Amino acid sequence: SDVTLMVSEAVELAEIELRRRNVRLSHYVAARLPKLMVDPILIEQVLINLLKNAGEAIAQAGRPPGERYIELRVGPRRLDNQEVVEFSVRDSGNGVPDEMIERINEAFYSTKSEGMGIGLKLCRSIVESHHGRMQVQNIYNGEEVVGCCFSFWIPVPSRPTSPPEATK
């Protein structure tokens, strides 16, 4: 599936809500990314969910207009000799509590809380069903949490994926 297309569709859908919250969204997708073997609708769902959560976090933090922004970046990475495409969503909210970070980064987690936990659990199972991983970390400025970064990566299918040429 074409990553650029997935991202632009997700951004288009999430932006409606983000505009309502006065949150600016900038996104950057690296050029010439490999195609991924994914269900594009599901990956779009994950992105939309992360973008909406980010918008909510910013609204809850009550940031002033100049500090209400989300940055979505998508690019290639190498992890342990594996080519992956990484999607990261950075927001300027108040971050997430440490115990929640631990839970999200654990193998399986269950959160009792409604809202964000449920959405994240679903996102995470989608990512893992595509053999990817999801992570979260708070962004600090000195001691102060100035935002949060949710990211996930999806492995690039190993070559050769094209079937051998049919011989006549």
C-alpha atoms as a PDB file:
ATOM      1  CA  SER A   1       0.000   0.000   0.000  1.00  0.00           C
ATOM      2  CA  ASP A   2       1.116   3.503  -0.763  1.00  0.00           C
ATOM      3  CA  VAL A   3       2.186   5.213   2.459  1.00  0.00           C
ATOM      4  CA  THR A   4       1.802   8.760   1.126  1.00  0.00           C
ATOM      5  CA  LEU A   5      -1.784   8.087   0.187  1.00  0.00           C
ATOM      6  CA  MET A   6      -2.624   6.540   3.551  1.00  0.00           C
ATOM      7  CA  VAL A   7      -1.120   9.501   5.368  1.00  0.00           C
ATOM      8  CA  SER A   8      -2.916  12.120   3.296  1.00  0.00           C
ATOM      9  CA  GLU A   9      -6.284  10.393   3.782  1.00  0.00           C
ATOM     10  CA  ALA A  10      -5.749  10.099   7.539  1.00  0.00           C
ATOM     11  CA  VAL A  11      -4.625  13.730   7.769  1.00  0.00           C
ATOM     12  CA  GLU A  12      -7.632  14.917   5.811  1.00  0.00           C
ATOM     13  CA  LEU A  13     -10.032  13.130   8.152  1.00  0.00           C
ATOM     14  CA  ALA A  14      -8.266  14.066  11.393  1.00  0.00           C
ATOM     15  CA  GLU A  15      -7.839  17.698  10.385  1.00  0.00           C
ATOM     16  CA  ILE A  16     -11.564  18.397  10.603  1.00  0.00           C
ATOM     17  CA  GLU A  17     -11.485  17.786  14.337  1.00  0.00           C
ATOM     18  CA  LEU A  18      -8.076  19.377  14.839  1.00  0.00           C
ATOM     19  CA  ARG A  19      -9.193  22.607  13.215  1.00  0.00           C
ATOM     20  CA  ARG A  20     -12.135  22.683  15.567  1.00  0.00           C
ATOM     21  CA  ARG A  21      -9.672  22.488  18.438  1.00  0.00           C
ATOM     22  CA  ASN A  22      -7.421  25.141  16.848  1.00  0.00           C
ATOM     23  CA  VAL A  23      -4.559  22.688  16.527  1.00  0.00           C
ATOM     24  CA  ARG A  24      -2.117  23.022  13.637  1.00  0.00           C
ATOM     25  CA  LEU A  25      -0.959  19.836  12.014  1.00  0.00           C
ATOM     26  CA  SER A  26       2.158  19.618   9.915  1.00  0.00           C
ATOM     27  CA  HIS A  27       3.140  16.394   8.246  1.00  0.00           C
ATOM     28  CA  TYR A  28       6.231  15.202   6.495  1.00  0.00           C
ATOM     29  CA  VAL A  29       6.494  11.985   4.516  1.00  0.00           C
ATOM     30  CA  ALA A  30       9.890  10.916   3.200  1.00  0.00           C
ATOM     31  CA  ALA A  31      10.142  10.545  -0.562  1.00  0.00           C
ATOM     32  CA  ARG A  32      10.212   7.153  -2.285  1.00  0.00           C
ATOM     33  CA  LEU A  33       9.078   5.078   0.661  1.00  0.00           C
ATOM     34  CA  PRO A  34       8.689   1.383  -0.077  1.00  0.00           C
ATOM     35  CA  LYS A  35       5.172   0.016  -0.312  1.00  0.00           C
ATOM     36  CA  LEU A  36       3.923  -1.773   2.786  1.00  0.00           C
ATOM     37  CA  MET A  37       1.961  -4.999   2.998  1.00  0.00           C
ATOM     38  CA  VAL A  38      -0.813  -3.558   5.132  1.00  0.00           C
ATOM     39  CA  ASP A  39      -4.511  -2.990   5.172  1.00  0.00           C
ATOM     40  CA  PRO A  40      -4.495   0.745   4.385  1.00  0.00           C
ATOM     41  CA  ILE A  41      -7.847   1.357   6.084  1.00  0.00           C
ATOM     42  CA  LEU A  42      -6.560  -0.065   9.363  1.00  0.00           C
ATOM     43  CA  ILE A  43      -3.329   1.911   9.291  1.00  0.00           C
ATOM     44  CA  GLU A  44      -5.312   5.067   8.512  1.00  0.00           C
ATOM     45  CA  GLN A  45      -7.481   4.280  11.551  1.00  0.00           C
ATOM     46  CA  VAL A  46      -4.385   4.066  13.730  1.00  0.00           C
ATOM     47  CA  LEU A  47      -3.088   7.384  12.412  1.00  0.00           C
ATOM     48  CA  ILE A  48      -6.439   9.120  12.830  1.00  0.00           C
ATOM     49  CA  ASN A  49      -6.731   7.797  16.364  1.00  0.00           C
ATOM     50  CA  LEU A  50      -3.229   8.987  17.287  1.00  0.00           C
ATOM     51  CA  LEU A  51      -3.822  12.406  15.704  1.00  0.00           C
ATOM     52  CA  LYS A  52      -7.149  12.845  17.513  1.00  0.00           C
ATOM     53  CA  ASN A  53      -5.627  11.746  20.824  1.00  0.00           C
ATOM     54  CA  ALA A  54      -2.860  14.283  20.266  1.00  0.00           C
ATOM     55  CA  GLY A  55      -5.412  17.013  19.613  1.00  0.00           C
ATOM     56  CA  GLU A  56      -7.262  16.043  22.779  1.00  0.00           C
ATOM     57  CA  ALA A  57      -4.057  16.097  24.816  1.00  0.00           C
ATOM     58  CA  ILE A  58      -3.315  19.610  23.592  1.00  0.00           C
ATOM     59  CA  ALA A  59      -6.843  20.777  24.362  1.00  0.00           C
ATOM     60  CA  GLN A  60      -6.682  19.262  27.846  1.00  0.00           C
ATOM     61  CA  ALA A  61      -3.330  20.928  28.465  1.00  0.00           C
ATOM     62  CA  GLY A  62      -4.964  24.243  27.590  1.00  0.00           C
ATOM     63  CA  ARG A  63      -2.022  25.365  25.501  1.00  0.00           C
ATOM     64  CA  PRO A  64      -2.121  28.908  24.070  1.00  0.00           C
ATOM     65  CA  PRO A  65      -2.729  29.239  20.283  1.00  0.00           C
ATOM     66  CA  GLY A  66       0.973  29.427  19.384  1.00  0.00           C
ATOM     67  CA  GLU A  67       1.701  26.142  21.157  1.00  0.00           C
ATOM     68  CA  ARG A  68      -1.084  24.003  19.704  1.00  0.00           C
ATOM     69  CA  TYR A  69       0.595  21.860  17.112  1.00  0.00           C
ATOM     70  CA  ILE A  70       1.079  18.274  16.060  1.00  0.00           C
ATOM     71  CA  GLU A  71       3.838  16.995  13.854  1.00  0.00           C
ATOM     72  CA  LEU A  72       3.382  13.760  11.932  1.00  0.00           C
ATOM     73  CA  ARG A  73       6.550  12.359  10.399  1.00  0.00           C
ATOM     74  CA  VAL A  74       6.915   9.241   8.325  1.00  0.00           C
ATOM     75  CA  GLY A  75      10.235   7.875   7.213  1.00  0.00           C
ATOM     76  CA  PRO A  76      12.404   4.808   6.723  1.00  0.00           C
ATOM     77  CA  ARG A  77      14.422   3.310   9.552  1.00  0.00           C
ATOM     78  CA  ARG A  78      16.639   0.302  10.098  1.00  0.00           C
ATOM     79  CA  LEU A  79      15.981  -1.681  13.259  1.00  0.00           C
ATOM     80  CA  ASP A  80      18.074  -4.762  13.965  1.00  0.00           C
ATOM     81  CA  ASN A  81      18.805  -5.403  10.298  1.00  0.00           C
ATOM     82  CA  GLN A  82      15.170  -4.900   9.455  1.00  0.00           C
ATOM     83  CA  GLU A  83      13.879  -2.188   7.148  1.00  0.00           C
ATOM     84  CA  VAL A  84      10.828  -0.504   8.614  1.00  0.00           C
ATOM     85  CA  VAL A  85       8.706   2.546   7.967  1.00  0.00           C
ATOM     86  CA  GLU A  86       8.211   4.589  11.107  1.00  0.00           C
ATOM     87  CA  PHE A  87       5.216   6.827  11.757  1.00  0.00           C
ATOM     88  CA  SER A  88       5.518   9.307  14.604  1.00  0.00           C
ATOM     89  CA  VAL A  89       2.992  11.744  16.014  1.00  0.00           C
ATOM     90  CA  ARG A  90       4.359  14.468  18.291  1.00  0.00           C
ATOM     91  CA  ASP A  91       2.037  16.699  20.210  1.00  0.00           C
ATOM     92  CA  SER A  92       2.465  19.678  22.503  1.00  0.00           C
ATOM     93  CA  GLY A  93       0.210  18.401  25.288  1.00  0.00           C
ATOM     94  CA  ASN A  94       1.042  17.470  28.867  1.00  0.00           C
ATOM     95  CA  GLY A  95       2.378  14.030  28.063  1.00  0.00           C
ATOM     96  CA  VAL A  96       1.145  10.761  29.495  1.00  0.00           C
ATOM     97  CA  PRO A  97       1.694   9.443  33.018  1.00  0.00           C
ATOM     98  CA  ASP A  98       4.701   7.170  33.503  1.00  0.00           C
ATOM     99  CA  GLU A  99       2.620   4.158  34.486  1.00  0.00           C
ATOM    100  CA  MET A 100       0.685   4.482  31.260  1.00  0.00           C
ATOM    101  CA  ILE A 101       3.900   4.660  29.244  1.00  0.00           C
ATOM    102  CA  GLU A 102       5.074   1.487  30.946  1.00  0.00           C
ATOM    103  CA  ARG A 103       1.809  -0.250  30.156  1.00  0.00           C
ATOM    104  CA  ILE A 104       1.828   0.784  26.509  1.00  0.00           C
ATOM    105  CA  ASN A 105       5.431  -0.335  26.119  1.00  0.00           C
ATOM    106  CA  GLU A 106       4.718  -3.696  27.784  1.00  0.00           C
ATOM    107  CA  ALA A 107       3.894  -6.713  25.680  1.00  0.00           C
ATOM    108  CA  PHE A 108       0.194  -6.718  26.540  1.00  0.00           C
ATOM    109  CA  TYR A 109      -1.551  -4.136  28.563  1.00  0.00           C
ATOM    110  CA  SER A 110      -5.081  -3.533  29.599  1.00  0.00           C
ATOM    111  CA  THR A 111      -6.260  -0.162  30.747  1.00  0.00           C
ATOM    112  CA  LYS A 112      -9.474   0.164  32.642  1.00  0.00           C
ATOM    113  CA  SER A 113      -9.823   3.812  31.725  1.00  0.00           C
ATOM    114  CA  GLU A 114     -12.170   4.695  28.915  1.00  0.00           C
ATOM    115  CA  GLY A 115     -11.195   6.874  26.018  1.00  0.00           C
ATOM    116  CA  MET A 116      -7.547   6.972  25.203  1.00  0.00           C
ATOM    117  CA  GLY A 117      -6.683   3.559  26.634  1.00  0.00           C
ATOM    118  CA  ILE A 118      -9.243   1.689  24.562  1.00  0.00           C
ATOM    119  CA  GLY A 119      -8.316   3.497  21.360  1.00  0.00           C
ATOM    120  CA  LEU A 120      -4.651   2.866  21.966  1.00  0.00           C
ATOM    121  CA  LYS A 121      -5.207  -0.780  22.694  1.00  0.00           C
ATOM    122  CA  LEU A 122      -6.970  -1.150  19.377  1.00  0.00           C
ATOM    123  CA  CYS A 123      -4.245   0.815  17.559  1.00  0.00           C
ATOM    124  CA  ARG A 124      -1.668  -1.348  19.114  1.00  0.00           C
ATOM    125  CA  SER A 125      -3.321  -4.631  18.167  1.00  0.00           C
ATOM    126  CA  ILE A 126      -3.654  -3.371  14.580  1.00  0.00           C
ATOM    127  CA  VAL A 127       0.047  -2.441  14.477  1.00  0.00           C
ATOM    128  CA  GLU A 128       1.085  -5.771  15.984  1.00  0.00           C
ATOM    129  CA  SER A 129      -1.130  -7.720  13.598  1.00  0.00           C
ATOM    130  CA  HIS A 130       1.025  -6.127  10.866  1.00  0.00           C
ATOM    131  CA  HIS A 131       4.174  -7.324  12.699  1.00  0.00           C
ATOM    132  CA  GLY A 132       4.946  -3.818  13.871  1.00  0.00           C
ATOM    133  CA  ARG A 133       5.471  -2.211  17.267  1.00  0.00           C
ATOM    134  CA  MET A 134       4.070   0.825  18.986  1.00  0.00           C
ATOM    135  CA  GLN A 135       5.848   3.056  21.499  1.00  0.00           C
ATOM    136  CA  VAL A 136       5.285   6.209  23.435  1.00  0.00           C
ATOM    137  CA  GLN A 137       7.592   8.690  25.111  1.00  0.00           C
ATOM    138  CA  ASN A 138       7.134  12.041  26.741  1.00  0.00           C
ATOM    139  CA  ILE A 139       9.093  14.997  25.389  1.00  0.00           C
ATOM    140  CA  TYR A 140      10.888  17.046  28.004  1.00  0.00           C
ATOM    141  CA  ASN A 141      12.244  20.552  28.170  1.00  0.00           C
ATOM    142  CA  GLY A 142      14.403  20.347  31.271  1.00  0.00           C
ATOM    143  CA  GLU A 143      12.136  18.880  33.959  1.00  0.00           C
ATOM    144  CA  GLU A 144       8.946  19.923  32.246  1.00  0.00           C
ATOM    145  CA  VAL A 145       6.932  17.678  29.956  1.00  0.00           C
ATOM    146  CA  VAL A 146       6.175  19.718  26.836  1.00  0.00           C
ATOM    147  CA  GLY A 147       4.547  17.039  24.742  1.00  0.00           C
ATOM    148  CA  CYS A 148       4.375  13.419  23.807  1.00  0.00           C
ATOM    149  CA  CYS A 149       5.440  11.282  20.889  1.00  0.00           C
ATOM    150  CA  PHE A 150       3.494   8.197  19.879  1.00  0.00           C
ATOM    151  CA  SER A 151       5.190   6.186  17.207  1.00  0.00           C
ATOM    152  CA  PHE A 152       4.804   2.881  15.491  1.00  0.00           C
ATOM    153  CA  TRP A 153       6.694   1.075  12.788  1.00  0.00           C
ATOM    154  CA  ILE A 154       5.703  -1.448  10.177  1.00  0.00           C
ATOM    155  CA  PRO A 155       8.266  -3.779   8.589  1.00  0.00           C
ATOM    156  CA  VAL A 156       9.006  -3.418   4.900  1.00  0.00           C
ATOM    157  CA  PRO A 157       8.299  -6.668   3.036  1.00  0.00           C
ATOM    158  CA  SER A 158      11.575  -8.393   2.270  1.00  0.00           C
ATOM    159  CA  ARG A 159      12.595  -8.769  -1.325  1.00  0.00           C
ATOM    160  CA  PRO A 160      11.930 -10.557  -3.588  1.00  0.00           C
ATOM    161  CA  THR A 161       8.184 -10.103  -3.449  1.00  0.00           C
ATOM    162  CA  SER A 162       7.511 -10.247  -7.180  1.00  0.00           C
ATOM    163  CA  PRO A 163       6.551 -13.683  -8.419  1.00  0.00           C
ATOM    164  CA  PRO A 164       8.940 -15.258 -10.913  1.00  0.00           C
ATOM    165  CA  GLU A 165       8.086 -14.397 -14.493  1.00  0.00           C
ATOM    166  CA  ALA A 166       5.683 -16.876 -16.030  1.00  0.00           C
ATOM    167  CA  THR A 167       7.466 -18.844 -18.715  1.00  0.00           C
ATOM    168  CA  LYS A 168       5.648 -19.393 -21.955  1.00  0.00           C
END
